[in-house]
Amino acid sequence: MTVWIEGATGKAGRRVVEALTAAGLPVRAASRHPGEASGSVTPVRFDWYDESTWANALGNADAVFLKGLDSDDEAAAIITRFLAEASAVSRVVLMSAVGVDRTPNTAPRRAVELAVERSGRSWTILRPSWFLQNFDEDEWVFARALRESNELYAGTGASKVGFTDTRDLADAAAAVLTREGHEGRSYTITGPERLTFGEMAELLAKTSGRPIKHVDAKPEEHRRHFEKSGRPEAWVNHMLHLFKLVRAGVFTAQTDDFENLTGRRPRTPRQYAEENWQPTPQR
């Protein structure tokens, strides 16, 4: 089996590449800015908005890992066209998010899930919670404000989240792609404990030795913060909607799905912090 991986240079996709190559599978690593070929990894240029890239990017892949256009109202239609053209693909794994199955069928992410389920392919849906790696790798969600002003900007109140390590999402993807019995099933991938964003800020502060504080921003304040990124309005609206879901308790989910898929416990926020937020040695 050859697996095509969308967003293969991103914080989740590149870990899926690593997990699948470690499992011995050849990978077509799709990105708008593909990296260098290495071992069984073939980097390929891919752009959802340039359909001329689709066929060449897919090549001989017979399975795909999608994360797909979650802030685009036309995402389901685009992915439906993509899968219709991917005639050799028999297996689809979709990275969605916690709680998407409880949103209206017309919501972009839920519409994408339904498009995959109705594609006529063997499918599995993975629904991770908020990624821990957003804190150090995603510039405009958290990383820049944390780096420049020691602020964890998140209007979330006291709601708790079962934060997911991207490496665990990747290991779950490898499990469902390399073993039988996961067709037509959905799994919620969470960490082993739930923390508020305030507690997460305290953990990062303690580990790093920096005065990191949680900024529990009001929606309009949060909007102004995200608008500084220069990102499209659809992205800003999408992020604000996610924080609204956090405040509503959608991301409090905690499951054993990861352990059942892989046979081991998921990584904890403390493990992530100790690996990524230790003080920088002074020279």
Protein backbone atom coordinates (compact mmCIF):
# COMPACT_ATOMS: atom_id res chain seq x y z
CA MET A 1 0.00 0.00 0.00
CA THR A 2 1.19 3.51 -0.89
CA VAL A 3 -0.29 6.33 1.22
CA TRP A 4 -0.79 9.89 -0.01
CA ILE A 5 -0.62 12.38 2.87
CA GLU A 6 -2.09 15.87 2.68
CA GLY A 7 -0.26 18.68 4.49
CA ALA A 8 2.83 16.52 4.77
CA THR A 9 5.09 19.36 5.91
CA GLY A 10 2.67 20.61 8.61
CA LYS A 11 2.62 19.93 12.33
CA ALA A 12 0.34 16.88 12.03
CA GLY A 13 1.10 15.71 8.49
CA ARG A 14 4.84 15.40 8.91
CA ARG A 15 4.33 13.20 11.96
CA VAL A 16 1.98 10.99 9.96
CA VAL A 17 4.73 10.69 7.33
CA GLU A 18 7.19 9.63 10.03
CA ALA A 19 4.80 7.11 11.58
CA LEU A 20 3.94 5.47 8.26
CA THR A 21 7.52 5.26 7.03
CA ALA A 22 8.48 3.74 10.40
CA ALA A 23 5.76 1.15 9.71
CA GLY A 24 7.41 0.38 6.37
CA LEU A 25 4.89 2.03 4.05
CA PRO A 26 5.86 4.12 1.00
CA VAL A 27 4.47 7.65 1.22
CA ARG A 28 3.60 10.39 -1.23
CA ALA A 29 4.06 13.53 0.86
CA ALA A 30 1.76 16.23 -0.56
CA SER A 31 2.24 19.93 0.10
CA ARG A 32 2.17 23.26 -1.71
CA HIS A 33 5.86 23.48 -0.83
CA PRO A 34 7.13 19.88 -0.89
CA GLY A 35 10.35 18.96 0.85
CA GLU A 36 13.20 16.70 -0.23
CA ALA A 37 12.86 13.03 -1.17
CA SER A 38 14.10 10.66 1.51
CA GLY A 39 13.97 6.87 1.66
CA SER A 40 10.42 5.73 0.93
CA VAL A 41 9.05 9.31 0.96
CA THR A 42 8.22 10.96 -2.38
CA PRO A 43 7.46 14.69 -1.98
CA VAL A 44 4.77 15.94 -4.39
CA ARG A 45 3.32 19.38 -5.05
CA PHE A 46 -0.39 19.64 -4.25
CA ASP A 47 -2.87 22.51 -3.96
CA TRP A 48 -6.59 22.09 -3.28
CA TYR A 49 -7.25 25.19 -5.37
CA ASP A 50 -5.22 24.02 -8.38
CA GLU A 51 -6.85 20.87 -9.70
CA SER A 52 -4.07 20.42 -12.26
CA THR A 53 -1.86 19.26 -9.34
CA TRP A 54 -4.18 16.50 -8.16
CA ALA A 55 -3.46 13.57 -10.48
CA ASN A 56 0.33 13.94 -10.45
CA ALA A 57 0.33 14.31 -6.67
CA LEU A 58 -1.72 11.14 -6.15
CA GLY A 59 0.39 9.04 -8.50
CA ASN A 60 0.07 5.36 -7.59
CA ALA A 61 -1.37 5.92 -4.10
CA ASP A 62 -4.16 3.54 -3.09
CA ALA A 63 -4.82 5.14 0.32
CA VAL A 64 -5.05 8.78 1.39
CA PHE A 65 -4.80 10.72 4.65
CA LEU A 66 -6.85 13.92 4.47
CA LYS A 67 -7.16 16.87 6.82
CA GLY A 68 -9.00 19.10 4.40
CA LEU A 69 -9.95 22.80 4.20
CA ASP A 70 -11.80 23.22 7.45
CA SER A 71 -12.51 26.96 7.06
CA ASP A 72 -13.83 26.78 3.48
CA ASP A 73 -17.59 26.54 2.97
CA GLU A 74 -16.92 24.66 -0.30
CA ALA A 75 -14.60 22.12 1.31
CA ALA A 76 -16.97 19.16 0.97
CA ALA A 77 -17.59 19.84 -2.72
CA ILE A 78 -13.85 20.15 -3.41
CA ILE A 79 -13.02 16.94 -1.56
CA THR A 80 -15.88 15.13 -3.31
CA ARG A 81 -14.37 16.09 -6.69
CA PHE A 82 -10.92 15.05 -5.52
CA LEU A 83 -12.06 11.60 -4.41
CA ALA A 84 -14.11 11.12 -7.58
CA GLU A 85 -10.93 11.65 -9.61
CA ALA A 86 -8.84 9.42 -7.35
CA SER A 87 -10.09 6.24 -8.97
CA ALA A 88 -7.25 4.05 -7.68
CA VAL A 89 -7.79 5.06 -4.05
CA SER A 90 -9.70 2.49 -2.01
CA ARG A 91 -8.89 3.68 1.54
CA VAL A 92 -9.50 7.13 3.09
CA VAL A 93 -8.51 8.29 6.57
CA LEU A 94 -9.78 11.74 7.52
CA MET A 95 -8.41 13.89 10.31
CA SER A 96 -11.41 15.81 11.63
CA ALA A 97 -11.80 17.17 15.18
CA VAL A 98 -13.48 16.44 18.50
CA GLY A 99 -17.17 17.27 18.44
CA VAL A 100 -17.58 17.63 14.67
CA ASP A 101 -20.06 14.76 14.64
CA ARG A 102 -22.32 16.85 16.90
CA THR A 103 -22.40 19.88 14.59
CA PRO A 104 -25.03 20.52 11.86
CA ASN A 105 -24.54 18.55 8.66
CA THR A 106 -24.04 21.83 6.81
CA ALA A 107 -21.07 22.91 8.95
CA PRO A 108 -17.90 22.73 6.80
CA ARG A 109 -16.08 20.07 8.82
CA ARG A 110 -19.16 17.89 9.27
CA ALA A 111 -19.95 18.23 5.56
CA VAL A 112 -16.42 16.98 4.82
CA GLU A 113 -16.93 13.97 7.11
CA LEU A 114 -20.16 13.13 5.30
CA ALA A 115 -18.47 13.53 1.89
CA VAL A 116 -15.84 10.98 2.93
CA GLU A 117 -18.45 8.60 4.33
CA ARG A 118 -20.45 8.81 1.08
CA SER A 119 -17.42 8.52 -1.22
CA GLY A 120 -17.84 4.80 -1.81
CA ARG A 121 -14.39 4.14 -0.32
CA SER A 122 -13.38 2.33 2.82
CA TRP A 123 -13.09 5.13 5.38
CA THR A 124 -12.02 5.90 8.94
CA ILE A 125 -12.38 9.23 10.75
CA LEU A 126 -9.98 10.40 13.47
CA ARG A 127 -11.16 13.25 15.69
CA PRO A 128 -8.28 14.67 17.74
CA SER A 129 -8.63 17.41 20.34
CA TRP A 130 -6.57 20.63 20.36
CA PHE A 131 -2.97 19.88 19.42
CA LEU A 132 -0.30 20.53 22.02
CA GLN A 133 2.06 21.50 19.20
CA ASN A 134 -0.09 24.59 18.52
CA PHE A 135 1.70 26.19 21.46
CA ASP A 136 5.16 26.14 19.86
CA GLU A 137 4.59 25.48 16.14
CA ASP A 138 1.51 27.43 15.06
CA GLU A 139 2.56 31.07 14.81
CA TRP A 140 -0.85 32.71 14.69
CA VAL A 141 -2.80 30.48 17.01
CA PHE A 142 -0.50 30.67 20.05
CA ALA A 143 3.23 30.52 19.29
CA ARG A 144 3.98 34.14 18.36
CA ALA A 145 2.19 35.72 21.33
CA LEU A 146 3.82 33.19 23.65
CA ARG A 147 7.26 33.93 22.22
CA GLU A 148 6.97 37.72 22.03
CA SER A 149 4.87 38.62 25.08
CA ASN A 150 4.55 35.46 27.21
CA GLU A 151 0.80 35.47 26.58
CA LEU A 152 -1.34 32.41 25.99
CA TYR A 153 -4.15 34.16 24.16
CA ALA A 154 -7.30 32.04 24.48
CA GLY A 155 -10.81 33.16 25.38
CA THR A 156 -11.79 29.89 26.99
CA GLY A 157 -12.81 30.61 30.57
CA ALA A 158 -12.46 27.62 32.90
CA SER A 159 -13.37 24.99 30.27
CA LYS A 160 -11.06 21.99 30.12
CA VAL A 161 -9.51 20.37 27.04
CA GLY A 162 -8.12 16.86 26.49
CA PHE A 163 -5.09 18.14 24.56
CA THR A 164 -3.71 15.76 21.90
CA ASP A 165 -0.07 15.33 20.93
CA THR A 166 0.32 15.28 17.13
CA ARG A 167 2.58 12.25 17.44
CA ASP A 168 -0.31 10.35 18.98
CA LEU A 169 -2.60 11.39 16.15
CA ALA A 170 0.05 10.11 13.75
CA ASP A 171 0.38 6.79 15.56
CA ALA A 172 -3.40 6.40 15.48
CA ALA A 173 -3.38 7.07 11.73
CA ALA A 174 -0.67 4.45 11.23
CA ALA A 175 -2.67 1.95 13.26
CA VAL A 176 -5.88 2.31 11.26
CA LEU A 177 -3.99 2.27 7.94
CA THR A 178 -1.90 -0.81 8.67
CA ARG A 179 -4.43 -3.01 10.46
CA GLU A 180 -7.79 -4.41 9.49
CA GLY A 181 -11.07 -3.77 11.24
CA HIS A 182 -11.24 0.03 11.25
CA GLU A 183 -13.34 0.53 8.13
CA GLY A 184 -16.46 2.63 8.63
CA ARG A 185 -15.45 3.64 12.15
CA SER A 186 -14.64 6.92 13.91
CA TYR A 187 -12.25 7.45 16.82
CA THR A 188 -11.81 10.39 19.19
CA ILE A 189 -8.10 10.86 19.95
CA THR A 190 -7.45 12.74 23.20
CA GLY A 191 -4.77 13.04 25.81
CA PRO A 192 -4.98 11.19 29.16
CA GLU A 193 -5.97 14.26 31.19
CA ARG A 194 -7.91 17.50 30.83
CA LEU A 195 -6.52 20.96 31.56
CA THR A 196 -7.87 24.48 31.23
CA PHE A 197 -5.88 26.90 29.11
CA GLY A 198 -5.00 28.67 32.34
CA GLU A 199 -3.54 25.44 33.73
CA MET A 200 -1.69 24.92 30.46
CA ALA A 201 -0.17 28.39 30.77
CA GLU A 202 0.94 27.56 34.32
CA LEU A 203 2.57 24.33 33.11
CA LEU A 204 4.44 26.11 30.31
CA ALA A 205 5.53 28.84 32.72
CA LYS A 206 6.81 26.38 35.30
CA THR A 207 8.68 24.31 32.71
CA SER A 208 10.20 27.23 30.83
CA GLY A 209 10.89 29.53 33.75
CA ARG A 210 9.08 32.32 31.90
CA PRO A 211 6.19 34.50 33.20
CA ILE A 212 3.63 32.99 30.82
CA LYS A 213 0.05 34.03 31.56
CA HIS A 214 -3.32 33.05 30.15
CA VAL A 215 -5.18 35.94 28.49
CA ASP A 216 -8.86 35.00 28.74
CA ALA A 217 -9.85 37.33 25.89
CA LYS A 218 -13.39 38.45 25.14
CA PRO A 219 -14.58 37.52 21.61
CA GLU A 220 -14.06 40.98 20.07
CA GLU A 221 -10.65 41.34 21.71
CA HIS A 222 -9.79 37.88 20.41
CA ARG A 223 -10.93 38.87 16.93
CA ARG A 224 -8.63 41.90 16.92
CA HIS A 225 -5.76 39.69 18.07
CA PHE A 226 -6.28 37.20 15.23
CA GLU A 227 -6.81 39.93 12.64
CA LYS A 228 -3.23 41.10 13.29
CA SER A 229 -2.09 37.90 11.58
CA GLY A 230 -3.23 39.10 8.17
CA ARG A 231 -4.88 35.72 7.66
CA PRO A 232 -8.18 35.53 5.70
CA GLU A 233 -11.40 36.45 7.48
CA ALA A 234 -12.64 32.87 7.04
CA TRP A 235 -9.66 31.66 9.12
CA VAL A 236 -10.32 34.28 11.82
CA ASN A 237 -13.99 33.27 11.99
CA HIS A 238 -13.02 29.61 12.13
CA MET A 239 -10.65 30.18 15.05
CA LEU A 240 -13.21 32.22 16.98
CA HIS A 241 -15.74 29.45 16.43
CA LEU A 242 -13.29 26.89 17.84
CA PHE A 243 -12.81 28.94 20.99
CA LYS A 244 -16.57 29.26 21.30
CA LEU A 245 -16.74 25.45 21.23
CA VAL A 246 -14.08 25.26 23.94
CA ARG A 247 -16.12 27.58 26.17
CA ALA A 248 -19.17 25.40 25.49
CA GLY A 249 -17.31 22.32 26.77
CA VAL A 250 -17.10 20.47 23.44
CA PHE A 251 -13.39 19.71 23.88
CA THR A 252 -13.70 18.20 27.36
CA ALA A 253 -13.94 14.77 25.74
CA GLN A 254 -11.54 12.14 27.06
CA THR A 255 -11.51 8.65 25.58
CA ASP A 256 -9.54 5.40 25.55
CA ASP A 257 -9.62 5.22 21.74
CA PHE A 258 -5.91 5.92 21.32
CA GLU A 259 -4.90 3.28 23.85
CA ASN A 260 -7.25 0.75 22.24
CA LEU A 261 -5.77 1.46 18.79
CA THR A 262 -2.10 1.42 19.76
CA GLY A 263 -1.80 -0.48 23.02
CA ARG A 264 -0.15 2.40 24.88
CA ARG A 265 -1.15 5.48 26.82
CA PRO A 266 -1.19 8.84 25.03
CA ARG A 267 1.44 11.45 25.82
CA THR A 268 0.65 13.93 28.59
CA PRO A 269 0.84 17.74 28.47
CA ARG A 270 3.70 17.53 30.96
CA GLN A 271 5.68 15.25 28.63
CA TYR A 272 5.13 17.69 25.79
CA ALA A 273 6.18 20.66 27.94
CA GLU A 274 9.32 18.97 29.24
CA GLU A 275 10.37 18.07 25.69
CA ASN A 276 9.68 21.48 24.15
CA TRP A 277 9.66 24.21 26.82
CA GLN A 278 12.83 23.76 28.83
CA PRO A 279 14.80 27.01 29.45
CA THR A 280 17.32 27.84 26.73
CA PRO A 281 20.87 27.37 28.10
CA GLN A 282 22.76 30.66 28.49
CA ARG A 283 25.99 30.91 26.52
